[in-house]
C-alpha atoms as a PDB file:
ATOM      1  CA  MET A   1       9.102 -47.711   6.600  1.00  0.00           C
ATOM      2  CA  LEU A   2       8.836 -44.879   4.048  1.00  0.00           C
ATOM      3  CA  HIS A   3       5.246 -45.655   3.272  1.00  0.00           C
ATOM      4  CA  ALA A   4       4.402 -45.360   7.042  1.00  0.00           C
ATOM      5  CA  THR A   5       6.286 -42.053   7.225  1.00  0.00           C
ATOM      6  CA  TRP A   6       4.602 -40.667   4.210  1.00  0.00           C
ATOM      7  CA  HIS A   7       1.214 -42.003   5.676  1.00  0.00           C
ATOM      8  CA  HIS A   8       1.770 -39.992   9.018  1.00  0.00           C
ATOM      9  CA  THR A   9       2.928 -36.967   6.911  1.00  0.00           C
ATOM     10  CA  VAL A  10      -0.566 -36.850   5.134  1.00  0.00           C
ATOM     11  CA  LEU A  11      -2.589 -37.256   8.383  1.00  0.00           C
ATOM     12  CA  ALA A  12      -0.775 -34.389   9.941  1.00  0.00           C
ATOM     13  CA  MET A  13      -1.338 -32.157   7.005  1.00  0.00           C
ATOM     14  CA  LEU A  14      -5.074 -33.158   6.713  1.00  0.00           C
ATOM     15  CA  SER A  15      -5.231 -32.750  10.906  1.00  0.00           C
ATOM     16  CA  VAL A  16      -4.221 -29.116   9.966  1.00  0.00           C
ATOM     17  CA  LEU A  17      -6.474 -28.216   7.358  1.00  0.00           C
ATOM     18  CA  ILE A  18      -9.341 -29.878   9.431  1.00  0.00           C
ATOM     19  CA  ALA A  19      -8.355 -27.556  12.719  1.00  0.00           C
ATOM     20  CA  GLN A  20      -8.062 -24.297  11.180  1.00  0.00           C
ATOM     21  CA  PRO A  21     -11.897 -23.729  10.126  1.00  0.00           C
ATOM     22  CA  THR A  22     -12.524 -25.497  13.534  1.00  0.00           C
ATOM     23  CA  MET A  23     -10.529 -22.977  15.496  1.00  0.00           C
ATOM     24  CA  ALA A  24     -12.230 -19.999  13.204  1.00  0.00           C
ATOM     25  CA  GLN A  25     -15.371 -21.218  14.223  1.00  0.00           C
ATOM     26  CA  SER A  26     -14.712 -21.310  17.954  1.00  0.00           C
ATOM     27  CA  TYR A  27     -12.822 -18.176  17.888  1.00  0.00           C
ATOM     28  CA  PRO A  28     -12.817 -16.166  20.017  1.00  0.00           C
ATOM     29  CA  SER A  29     -12.712 -18.325  23.075  1.00  0.00           C
ATOM     30  CA  ARG A  30     -10.710 -16.050  25.315  1.00  0.00           C
ATOM     31  CA  PRO A  31      -9.646 -12.261  25.577  1.00  0.00           C
ATOM     32  CA  ILE A  32      -8.116 -10.691  22.579  1.00  0.00           C
ATOM     33  CA  ARG A  33      -5.086  -8.247  23.266  1.00  0.00           C
ATOM     34  CA  VAL A  34      -4.466  -5.140  20.876  1.00  0.00           C
ATOM     35  CA  ILE A  35      -0.780  -3.926  21.271  1.00  0.00           C
ATOM     36  CA  VAL A  36      -0.513  -0.110  20.962  1.00  0.00           C
ATOM     37  CA  PRO A  37       3.095   0.558  20.133  1.00  0.00           C
ATOM     38  CA  LEU A  38       2.807   4.200  21.101  1.00  0.00           C
ATOM     39  CA  ALA A  39       2.379   6.316  24.171  1.00  0.00           C
ATOM     40  CA  PRO A  40      -0.904   5.835  26.167  1.00  0.00           C
ATOM     41  CA  GLY A  41      -3.270   8.793  25.544  1.00  0.00           C
ATOM     42  CA  GLY A  42      -2.567   9.173  21.954  1.00  0.00           C
ATOM     43  CA  SER A  43      -5.006   8.719  18.996  1.00  0.00           C
ATOM     44  CA  ALA A  44      -3.933   4.947  18.584  1.00  0.00           C
ATOM     45  CA  ASP A  45      -4.656   4.450  22.261  1.00  0.00           C
ATOM     46  CA  VAL A  46      -8.092   6.353  22.262  1.00  0.00           C
ATOM     47  CA  GLY A  47      -8.876   4.867  18.688  1.00  0.00           C
ATOM     48  CA  GLY A  48      -8.196   1.266  19.693  1.00  0.00           C
ATOM     49  CA  ARG A  49     -10.289   1.493  22.846  1.00  0.00           C
ATOM     50  CA  LEU A  50     -13.214   2.994  20.917  1.00  0.00           C
ATOM     51  CA  VAL A  51     -13.083   0.342  18.354  1.00  0.00           C
ATOM     52  CA  GLY A  52     -12.170  -2.446  20.550  1.00  0.00           C
ATOM     53  CA  ASP A  53     -15.257  -2.121  22.846  1.00  0.00           C
ATOM     54  CA  LYS A  54     -17.563  -2.362  19.769  1.00  0.00           C
ATOM     55  CA  VAL A  55     -15.396  -5.406  18.647  1.00  0.00           C
ATOM     56  CA  SER A  56     -15.443  -6.951  22.075  1.00  0.00           C
ATOM     57  CA  GLN A  57     -19.526  -6.366  22.355  1.00  0.00           C
ATOM     58  CA  ALA A  58     -19.816  -8.198  18.933  1.00  0.00           C
ATOM     59  CA  LEU A  59     -17.506 -11.185  19.636  1.00  0.00           C
ATOM     60  CA  GLY A  60     -18.551 -11.839  23.512  1.00  0.00           C
ATOM     61  CA  GLN A  61     -14.959 -11.474  24.625  1.00  0.00           C
ATOM     62  CA  PRO A  62     -12.816  -8.874  26.155  1.00  0.00           C
ATOM     63  CA  VAL A  63     -10.491  -6.754  23.759  1.00  0.00           C
ATOM     64  CA  LEU A  64      -7.849  -5.592  26.042  1.00  0.00           C
ATOM     65  CA  VAL A  65      -5.603  -2.651  24.897  1.00  0.00           C
ATOM     66  CA  GLU A  66      -2.083  -2.694  25.918  1.00  0.00           C
ATOM     67  CA  SER A  67       0.681  -0.207  25.526  1.00  0.00           C
ATOM     68  CA  ARG A  68       3.999  -1.137  24.638  1.00  0.00           C
ATOM     69  CA  PRO A  69       5.743   2.135  23.339  1.00  0.00           C
ATOM     70  CA  GLY A  70       9.376   2.568  22.209  1.00  0.00           C
ATOM     71  CA  GLY A  71      11.421   2.744  18.927  1.00  0.00           C
ATOM     72  CA  GLY A  72       8.648   4.876  17.195  1.00  0.00           C
ATOM     73  CA  GLY A  73       6.445   2.075  17.348  1.00  0.00           C
ATOM     74  CA  THR A  74       8.676  -0.681  16.391  1.00  0.00           C
ATOM     75  CA  VAL A  75       8.899  -2.297  19.736  1.00  0.00           C
ATOM     76  CA  GLY A  76       5.229  -3.094  20.082  1.00  0.00           C
ATOM     77  CA  VAL A  77       4.941  -4.095  16.544  1.00  0.00           C
ATOM     78  CA  ASN A  78       7.957  -6.537  16.632  1.00  0.00           C
ATOM     79  CA  PHE A  79       6.276  -8.055  19.947  1.00  0.00           C
ATOM     80  CA  VAL A  80       3.193  -8.851  17.692  1.00  0.00           C
ATOM     81  CA  ALA A  81       5.162 -10.111  14.689  1.00  0.00           C
ATOM     82  CA  LYS A  82       6.841 -12.731  17.048  1.00  0.00           C
ATOM     83  CA  SER A  83       3.540 -13.745  18.752  1.00  0.00           C
ATOM     84  CA  ALA A  84       1.579 -16.955  17.971  1.00  0.00           C
ATOM     85  CA  PRO A  85      -0.619 -16.328  14.681  1.00  0.00           C
ATOM     86  CA  ASP A  86      -3.830 -17.282  16.588  1.00  0.00           C
ATOM     87  CA  GLY A  87      -5.947 -14.049  16.453  1.00  0.00           C
ATOM     88  CA  TYR A  88      -5.372 -13.424  20.184  1.00  0.00           C
ATOM     89  CA  THR A  89      -2.684 -10.764  19.715  1.00  0.00           C
ATOM     90  CA  LEU A  90      -3.004  -7.717  17.339  1.00  0.00           C
ATOM     91  CA  VAL A  91      -1.212  -4.543  16.736  1.00  0.00           C
ATOM     92  CA  ILE A  92      -2.396  -0.945  15.823  1.00  0.00           C
ATOM     93  CA  GLY A  93       0.486  -0.223  13.367  1.00  0.00           C
ATOM     94  CA  PRO A  94       1.550   3.376  12.931  1.00  0.00           C
ATOM     95  CA  ALA A  95       2.902   4.660   9.525  1.00  0.00           C
ATOM     96  CA  GLY A  96       6.363   5.015  10.694  1.00  0.00           C
ATOM     97  CA  ALA A  97       6.951   1.521  12.201  1.00  0.00           C
ATOM     98  CA  MET A  98       4.955  -0.131   9.309  1.00  0.00           C
ATOM     99  CA  SER A  99       6.346   2.062   6.263  1.00  0.00           C
ATOM    100  CA  ILE A 100       9.007   4.564   6.962  1.00  0.00           C
ATOM    101  CA  ASN A 101      11.412   3.102   9.495  1.00  0.00           C
ATOM    102  CA  VAL A 102      12.450   0.368   7.306  1.00  0.00           C
ATOM    103  CA  SER A 103      14.079   2.701   5.015  1.00  0.00           C
ATOM    104  CA  LEU A 104      15.683   4.473   8.102  1.00  0.00           C
ATOM    105  CA  ALA A 105      17.107   1.707  10.318  1.00  0.00           C
ATOM    106  CA  LYS A 106      17.482  -2.270  10.360  1.00  0.00           C
ATOM    107  CA  LEU A 107      13.998  -3.504  11.962  1.00  0.00           C
ATOM    108  CA  PRO A 108      13.820  -6.870  13.695  1.00  0.00           C
ATOM    109  CA  TYR A 109      10.727  -7.633  11.685  1.00  0.00           C
ATOM    110  CA  ASP A 110       9.535  -7.311   8.062  1.00  0.00           C
ATOM    111  CA  PRO A 111       6.338  -5.066   7.748  1.00  0.00           C
ATOM    112  CA  VAL A 112       5.088  -7.096   4.896  1.00  0.00           C
ATOM    113  CA  LYS A 113       6.401 -10.416   5.634  1.00  0.00           C
ATOM    114  CA  ASP A 114       5.857 -10.944   9.369  1.00  0.00           C
ATOM    115  CA  LEU A 115       2.297  -9.237   9.810  1.00  0.00           C
ATOM    116  CA  ALA A 116      -0.985  -9.968   8.166  1.00  0.00           C
ATOM    117  CA  PRO A 117      -3.045  -6.954   7.407  1.00  0.00           C
ATOM    118  CA  ILE A 118      -6.602  -6.659   8.802  1.00  0.00           C
ATOM    119  CA  SER A 119      -8.172  -3.164   8.368  1.00  0.00           C
ATOM    120  CA  GLY A 120      -7.316   0.256   8.392  1.00  0.00           C
ATOM    121  CA  MET A 121      -8.336   2.332  11.365  1.00  0.00           C
ATOM    122  CA  THR A 122      -7.539   5.913  10.834  1.00  0.00           C
ATOM    123  CA  ARG A 123      -5.601   8.513   8.834  1.00  0.00           C
ATOM    124  CA  SER A 124      -4.649  11.785   9.723  1.00  0.00           C
ATOM    125  CA  THR A 125      -4.036  14.836   7.603  1.00  0.00           C
ATOM    126  CA  LEU A 126      -0.992  17.443   8.119  1.00  0.00           C
ATOM    127  CA  PHE A 127      -1.138  20.807   7.334  1.00  0.00           C
ATOM    128  CA  ILE A 128       1.047  23.467   5.199  1.00  0.00           C
ATOM    129  CA  VAL A 129       0.789  26.633   7.269  1.00  0.00           C
ATOM    130  CA  THR A 130       1.932  30.380   6.810  1.00  0.00           C
ATOM    131  CA  SER A 131       1.694  33.592   8.026  1.00  0.00           C
ATOM    132  CA  PRO A 132      -1.400  35.617   6.879  1.00  0.00           C
ATOM    133  CA  SER A 133       0.684  38.648   6.308  1.00  0.00           C
ATOM    134  CA  GLY A 134       3.506  36.764   4.161  1.00  0.00           C
ATOM    135  CA  PRO A 135       3.396  36.504   0.435  1.00  0.00           C
ATOM    136  CA  ILE A 136       2.590  32.555   0.352  1.00  0.00           C
ATOM    137  CA  GLY A 137      -1.303  32.329  -0.080  1.00  0.00           C
ATOM    138  CA  SER A 138      -1.509  29.116  -1.889  1.00  0.00           C
ATOM    139  CA  VAL A 139       0.421  25.857  -3.067  1.00  0.00           C
ATOM    140  CA  LYS A 140       0.878  27.552  -6.406  1.00  0.00           C
ATOM    141  CA  ASP A 141       2.699  30.577  -4.462  1.00  0.00           C
ATOM    142  CA  LEU A 142       4.903  28.242  -2.607  1.00  0.00           C
ATOM    143  CA  LEU A 143       5.982  26.340  -5.837  1.00  0.00           C
ATOM    144  CA  ALA A 144       6.364  29.746  -7.556  1.00  0.00           C
ATOM    145  CA  GLN A 145       8.478  31.194  -5.012  1.00  0.00           C
ATOM    146  CA  ALA A 146      10.564  27.926  -4.317  1.00  0.00           C
ATOM    147  CA  LYS A 147      11.244  27.662  -7.940  1.00  0.00           C
ATOM    148  CA  SER A 148      12.138  31.428  -8.470  1.00  0.00           C
ATOM    149  CA  LYS A 149      14.607  31.475  -5.402  1.00  0.00           C
ATOM    150  CA  PRO A 150      15.966  27.799  -4.698  1.00  0.00           C
ATOM    151  CA  GLY A 151      17.220  27.218  -1.343  1.00  0.00           C
ATOM    152  CA  ALA A 152      15.710  30.481   0.129  1.00  0.00           C
ATOM    153  CA  LEU A 153      12.645  29.110   1.367  1.00  0.00           C
ATOM    154  CA  ASN A 154      12.479  27.405   4.768  1.00  0.00           C
ATOM    155  CA  PHE A 155       9.890  24.838   6.080  1.00  0.00           C
ATOM    156  CA  GLY A 156       9.674  23.875   9.509  1.00  0.00           C
ATOM    157  CA  THR A 157       8.658  20.344  11.263  1.00  0.00           C
ATOM    158  CA  PRO A 158       8.676  19.065  14.826  1.00  0.00           C
ATOM    159  CA  GLY A 159      11.878  17.233  13.725  1.00  0.00           C
ATOM    160  CA  ILE A 160      14.009  15.035  11.626  1.00  0.00           C
ATOM    161  CA  ALA A 161      12.331  11.994   9.938  1.00  0.00           C
ATOM    162  CA  THR A 162       9.097  12.905  11.533  1.00  0.00           C
ATOM    163  CA  ALA A 163       6.061  12.450   9.173  1.00  0.00           C
ATOM    164  CA  GLN A 164       5.887  16.101   8.755  1.00  0.00           C
ATOM    165  CA  HIS A 165       9.623  16.125   7.508  1.00  0.00           C
ATOM    166  CA  LEU A 166       8.890  13.469   5.197  1.00  0.00           C
ATOM    167  CA  ALA A 167       5.778  15.319   3.888  1.00  0.00           C
ATOM    168  CA  GLY A 168       8.032  18.239   2.824  1.00  0.00           C
ATOM    169  CA  GLU A 169      10.555  16.175   1.269  1.00  0.00           C
ATOM    170  CA  LEU A 170       7.785  14.331  -0.815  1.00  0.00           C
ATOM    171  CA  LEU A 171       6.607  17.947  -1.974  1.00  0.00           C
ATOM    172  CA  LYS A 172      10.301  18.508  -3.161  1.00  0.00           C
ATOM    173  CA  PHE A 173      10.672  15.311  -4.726  1.00  0.00           C
ATOM    174  CA  MET A 174       7.431  15.423  -6.802  1.00  0.00           C
ATOM    175  CA  THR A 175       7.886  19.259  -7.881  1.00  0.00           C
ATOM    176  CA  GLY A 176      11.548  19.629  -7.856  1.00  0.00           C
ATOM    177  CA  ILE A 177      11.611  22.486  -5.693  1.00  0.00           C
ATOM    178  CA  ASP A 178      14.580  23.140  -3.330  1.00  0.00           C
ATOM    179  CA  MET A 179      13.466  24.207   0.293  1.00  0.00           C
ATOM    180  CA  VAL A 180      15.580  24.004   3.464  1.00  0.00           C
ATOM    181  CA  HIS A 181      14.453  21.839   6.284  1.00  0.00           C
ATOM    182  CA  VAL A 182      14.232  23.480   9.771  1.00  0.00           C
ATOM    183  CA  PRO A 183      13.507  20.927  12.602  1.00  0.00           C
ATOM    184  CA  PHE A 184      12.161  22.040  15.954  1.00  0.00           C
ATOM    185  CA  LYS A 185      11.451  20.247  19.074  1.00  0.00           C
ATOM    186  CA  GLY A 186       7.512  20.249  18.392  1.00  0.00           C
ATOM    187  CA  SER A 187       5.052  21.522  16.215  1.00  0.00           C
ATOM    188  CA  SER A 188       4.124  24.421  18.487  1.00  0.00           C
ATOM    189  CA  ASP A 189       7.775  25.792  18.109  1.00  0.00           C
ATOM    190  CA  ALA A 190       7.230  25.581  14.232  1.00  0.00           C
ATOM    191  CA  VAL A 191       3.983  27.308  14.241  1.00  0.00           C
ATOM    192  CA  THR A 192       5.447  30.158  16.478  1.00  0.00           C
ATOM    193  CA  ALA A 193       8.135  30.706  14.021  1.00  0.00           C
ATOM    194  CA  VAL A 194       5.949  30.923  11.389  1.00  0.00           C
ATOM    195  CA  MET A 195       3.821  33.398  12.966  1.00  0.00           C
ATOM    196  CA  GLY A 196       6.769  35.266  14.136  1.00  0.00           C
ATOM    197  CA  GLY A 197       8.146  35.314  10.419  1.00  0.00           C
ATOM    198  CA  GLN A 198      11.382  33.350  11.397  1.00  0.00           C
ATOM    199  CA  ILE A 199      10.298  30.817   8.543  1.00  0.00           C
ATOM    200  CA  GLN A 200       8.040  30.975   5.529  1.00  0.00           C
ATOM    201  CA  ILE A 201       6.172  27.811   6.150  1.00  0.00           C
ATOM    202  CA  ALA A 202       5.715  24.897   8.687  1.00  0.00           C
ATOM    203  CA  ILE A 203       3.968  21.624   8.163  1.00  0.00           C
ATOM    204  CA  VAL A 204       2.284  20.391  11.176  1.00  0.00           C
ATOM    205  CA  GLY A 205      -0.536  18.127  12.733  1.00  0.00           C
ATOM    206  CA  PRO A 206      -3.903  19.490  13.422  1.00  0.00           C
ATOM    207  CA  ALA A 207      -3.358  19.807  17.162  1.00  0.00           C
ATOM    208  CA  GLY A 208      -3.656  23.367  18.212  1.00  0.00           C
ATOM    209  CA  ILE A 209      -3.904  25.198  15.040  1.00  0.00           C
ATOM    210  CA  ALA A 210      -7.571  25.581  14.482  1.00  0.00           C
ATOM    211  CA  PRO A 211      -8.045  28.458  17.104  1.00  0.00           C
ATOM    212  CA  GLN A 212      -4.761  30.285  15.498  1.00  0.00           C
ATOM    213  CA  VAL A 213      -6.599  29.802  12.283  1.00  0.00           C
ATOM    214  CA  ARG A 214      -9.851  31.195  13.680  1.00  0.00           C
ATOM    215  CA  ALA A 215      -7.966  34.197  15.286  1.00  0.00           C
ATOM    216  CA  GLY A 216      -6.515  35.125  11.944  1.00  0.00           C
ATOM    217  CA  LYS A 217      -2.760  34.212  13.081  1.00  0.00           C
ATOM    218  CA  LEU A 218      -2.157  31.382  10.963  1.00  0.00           C
ATOM    219  CA  ARG A 219      -3.201  30.498   7.284  1.00  0.00           C
ATOM    220  CA  VAL A 220      -3.539  26.944   6.201  1.00  0.00           C
ATOM    221  CA  ILE A 221      -2.915  26.544   2.487  1.00  0.00           C
ATOM    222  CA  ALA A 222      -3.365  23.080   2.036  1.00  0.00           C
ATOM    223  CA  GLY A 223      -3.915  19.465   3.968  1.00  0.00           C
ATOM    224  CA  THR A 224      -1.727  16.667   3.119  1.00  0.00           C
ATOM    225  CA  ASP A 225      -3.992  13.795   2.760  1.00  0.00           C
ATOM    226  CA  THR A 226      -5.978  12.499  -0.161  1.00  0.00           C
ATOM    227  CA  ARG A 227      -9.494  13.845   1.642  1.00  0.00           C
ATOM    228  CA  ARG A 228      -9.855  17.405   2.965  1.00  0.00           C
ATOM    229  CA  ALA A 229      -9.645  17.368   6.789  1.00  0.00           C
ATOM    230  CA  PRO A 230     -12.864  17.504   9.163  1.00  0.00           C
ATOM    231  CA  GLY A 231     -12.761  20.981  10.971  1.00  0.00           C
ATOM    232  CA  LEU A 232     -10.570  22.581   8.163  1.00  0.00           C
ATOM    233  CA  ALA A 233     -12.658  21.613   5.128  1.00  0.00           C
ATOM    234  CA  ASP A 234     -12.078  24.969   3.670  1.00  0.00           C
ATOM    235  CA  ALA A 235      -8.325  24.058   3.074  1.00  0.00           C
ATOM    236  CA  PRO A 236      -7.872  22.206  -0.295  1.00  0.00           C
ATOM    237  CA  THR A 237      -5.508  19.076  -0.458  1.00  0.00           C
ATOM    238  CA  VAL A 238      -2.175  19.464  -1.908  1.00  0.00           C
ATOM    239  CA  ALA A 239      -3.173  17.393  -4.909  1.00  0.00           C
ATOM    240  CA  GLU A 240      -6.171  19.623  -5.668  1.00  0.00           C
ATOM    241  CA  ALA A 241      -4.078  22.653  -5.281  1.00  0.00           C
ATOM    242  CA  GLY A 242      -1.766  21.610  -8.024  1.00  0.00           C
ATOM    243  CA  VAL A 243       0.392  18.663  -7.198  1.00  0.00           C
ATOM    244  CA  PRO A 244      -1.599  15.618  -8.566  1.00  0.00           C
ATOM    245  CA  GLY A 245      -0.995  12.224  -6.723  1.00  0.00           C
ATOM    246  CA  TYR A 246       0.474  13.839  -3.594  1.00  0.00           C
ATOM    247  CA  THR A 247      -0.514  12.236  -0.473  1.00  0.00           C
ATOM    248  CA  ALA A 248       1.201  12.171   2.962  1.00  0.00           C
ATOM    249  CA  GLY A 249       0.221  12.073   6.727  1.00  0.00           C
ATOM    250  CA  GLY A 250      -0.104   9.762   9.524  1.00  0.00           C
ATOM    251  CA  TRP A 251      -2.308   6.369   9.706  1.00  0.00           C
ATOM    252  CA  LEU A 252      -3.093   3.804  11.978  1.00  0.00           C
ATOM    253  CA  SER A 253      -3.997   0.039  11.042  1.00  0.00           C
ATOM    254  CA  PHE A 254      -4.757  -3.144  12.463  1.00  0.00           C
ATOM    255  CA  PHE A 255      -2.474  -6.108  11.966  1.00  0.00           C
ATOM    256  CA  ALA A 256      -2.069  -9.696  13.249  1.00  0.00           C
ATOM    257  CA  PRO A 257       0.970 -11.998  13.101  1.00  0.00           C
ATOM    258  CA  ALA A 258       1.566 -13.469   9.734  1.00  0.00           C
ATOM    259  CA  GLY A 259      -0.085 -16.849   9.399  1.00  0.00           C
ATOM    260  CA  THR A 260      -3.018 -16.070  11.259  1.00  0.00           C
ATOM    261  CA  PRO A 261      -6.050 -18.277   9.680  1.00  0.00           C
ATOM    262  CA  GLY A 262      -7.754 -16.293   6.861  1.00  0.00           C
ATOM    263  CA  GLU A 263     -11.082 -16.979   8.463  1.00  0.00           C
ATOM    264  CA  ILE A 264     -10.063 -15.399  11.708  1.00  0.00           C
ATOM    265  CA  VAL A 265      -8.596 -12.308   9.865  1.00  0.00           C
ATOM    266  CA  ALA A 266     -11.832 -11.993   7.905  1.00  0.00           C
ATOM    267  CA  ARG A 267     -13.986 -12.069  11.082  1.00  0.00           C
ATOM    268  CA  LEU A 268     -11.817  -9.476  12.613  1.00  0.00           C
ATOM    269  CA  ASN A 269     -12.154  -7.374   9.433  1.00  0.00           C
ATOM    270  CA  ALA A 270     -15.847  -7.678   9.518  1.00  0.00           C
ATOM    271  CA  GLU A 271     -16.179  -6.433  12.950  1.00  0.00           C
ATOM    272  CA  ILE A 272     -13.278  -3.681  13.041  1.00  0.00           C
ATOM    273  CA  VAL A 273     -15.173  -2.329   9.758  1.00  0.00           C
ATOM    274  CA  ARG A 274     -18.456  -2.462  11.380  1.00  0.00           C
ATOM    275  CA  ALA A 275     -17.396  -0.499  14.269  1.00  0.00           C
ATOM    276  CA  LEU A 276     -15.550   2.183  12.292  1.00  0.00           C
ATOM    277  CA  LYS A 277     -18.941   2.819  10.363  1.00  0.00           C
ATOM    278  CA  MET A 278     -21.038   3.130  13.395  1.00  0.00           C
ATOM    279  CA  PRO A 279     -22.231   6.826  13.684  1.00  0.00           C
ATOM    280  CA  ASP A 280     -21.206   7.254  17.058  1.00  0.00           C
ATOM    281  CA  VAL A 281     -17.731   5.972  16.474  1.00  0.00           C
ATOM    282  CA  THR A 282     -17.340   7.978  13.596  1.00  0.00           C
ATOM    283  CA  GLU A 283     -18.397  11.079  15.267  1.00  0.00           C
ATOM    284  CA  ARG A 284     -15.833  10.796  18.052  1.00  0.00           C
ATOM    285  CA  ILE A 285     -12.897   9.971  15.476  1.00  0.00           C
ATOM    286  CA  VAL A 286     -13.712  13.065  13.322  1.00  0.00           C
ATOM    287  CA  ALA A 287     -14.225  15.048  16.259  1.00  0.00           C
ATOM    288  CA  SER A 288     -10.556  14.300  17.194  1.00  0.00           C
ATOM    289  CA  GLY A 289      -9.395  15.499  13.958  1.00  0.00           C
ATOM    290  CA  GLU A 290      -8.826  12.091  12.525  1.00  0.00           C
ATOM    291  CA  ILE A 291     -10.622  10.359   9.524  1.00  0.00           C
ATOM    292  CA  PRO A 292     -12.109   6.790   9.714  1.00  0.00           C
ATOM    293  CA  ASP A 293     -10.238   4.492   7.396  1.00  0.00           C
ATOM    294  CA  PRO A 294     -12.044   0.825   7.172  1.00  0.00           C
ATOM    295  CA  THR A 295     -10.339  -1.215   4.370  1.00  0.00           C
ATOM    296  CA  THR A 296     -10.322  -4.729   3.478  1.00  0.00           C
ATOM    297  CA  PRO A 297      -7.134  -6.700   4.334  1.00  0.00           C
ATOM    298  CA  ASP A 298      -6.114  -6.753   0.640  1.00  0.00           C
ATOM    299  CA  GLU A 299      -6.652  -2.983   0.100  1.00  0.00           C
ATOM    300  CA  LEU A 300      -4.497  -2.457   3.481  1.00  0.00           C
ATOM    301  CA  GLY A 301      -1.546  -4.832   2.281  1.00  0.00           C
ATOM    302  CA  ARG A 302      -1.347  -3.253  -1.032  1.00  0.00           C
ATOM    303  CA  PHE A 303      -1.390   0.374   0.699  1.00  0.00           C
ATOM    304  CA  VAL A 304       1.511  -0.691   3.140  1.00  0.00           C
ATOM    305  CA  ARG A 305       3.585  -1.808   0.289  1.00  0.00           C
ATOM    306  CA  SER A 306       3.017   1.439  -1.840  1.00  0.00           C
ATOM    307  CA  GLU A 307       3.938   3.429   1.108  1.00  0.00           C
ATOM    308  CA  ILE A 308       7.120   1.526   1.728  1.00  0.00           C
ATOM    309  CA  ASP A 309       7.967   1.912  -2.089  1.00  0.00           C
ATOM    310  CA  LYS A 310       7.177   5.647  -1.918  1.00  0.00           C
ATOM    311  CA  TRP A 311       9.053   6.617   1.134  1.00  0.00           C
ATOM    312  CA  ALA A 312      12.274   4.537   0.179  1.00  0.00           C
ATOM    313  CA  LYS A 313      12.672   6.857  -2.719  1.00  0.00           C
ATOM    314  CA  VAL A 314      12.061  10.071  -0.855  1.00  0.00           C
ATOM    315  CA  ILE A 315      14.369   9.016   1.897  1.00  0.00           C
ATOM    316  CA  LYS A 316      17.068   7.913  -0.625  1.00  0.00           C
ATOM    317  CA  ASN A 317      16.538  11.218  -2.573  1.00  0.00           C
ATOM    318  CA  SER A 318      16.496  13.258   0.584  1.00  0.00           C
ATOM    319  CA  GLY A 319      19.743  11.590   2.221  1.00  0.00           C
ATOM    320  CA  ILE A 320      17.635  11.635   5.521  1.00  0.00           C
ATOM    321  CA  ARG A 321      19.522   9.973   8.352  1.00  0.00           C
ATOM    322  CA  ILE A 322      18.610   9.070  12.057  1.00  0.00           C
ATOM    323  CA  GLU A 323      21.165   8.968  14.658  1.00  0.00           C
END
């Protein structure tokens, strides 16, 4: 009886091993769903449809982009984490839901254990802005002023625990300066406060600041990503401006449920990377202020783990809490 049980177990294991390559070879045989866990019309939605159209053409099956917003992206990410690992349900995971929120709240999924990285999609730079009439003209000026008068410098952002807020806290953490966070209801309010002299600096996204910069009403002293931002390439990165190793900002990447066969992940990676490198796709992403970010699955996995570790330290050090 024991021998028969063992025999059936071996046969079952062999059938699984044989079935996986067969599944990968026939994949995809039906439409692929890509869950966007953020509001429709945003960069995740637009980028997902742009890349999805190219992947659909290559694979010969529709790629259907579906919005499931809520919880800062955690609702949609959790839906995919709990889906069948067959390559037919993917998610465009945002930085918050994949690397920041895990240190702010108890999540119903583990970003590392429950999801399989496929490829990066885009990265977005944040900007440290000041008034052109103010005394801060560079990151070095900012650091010098903050060190000479601890706690006297205010930095505005669109709110508590936003990427912009965390970018400011990371700067404090890495340089030892003391700045006071001033949360606003949105980036435009923070920018208005800077231009009006109510606060010395603001950390904001790219939306709407270029016209103010061109009009001489706003000064960009640095971008927060590792690469200079399209459209505002004159602005150095924070790392270039005197804080080596500094990097912050938004990012969006493709993930599948953990346990998705490696052959399927590899095929999806190849098509997503190919799409992101197409000139028309690159042009549209750059025009929107984003930076294309094709990666290997291993590169994305390492990046997510490093981001989780980094923000955990920053959040603990700053004492950030969300209600």
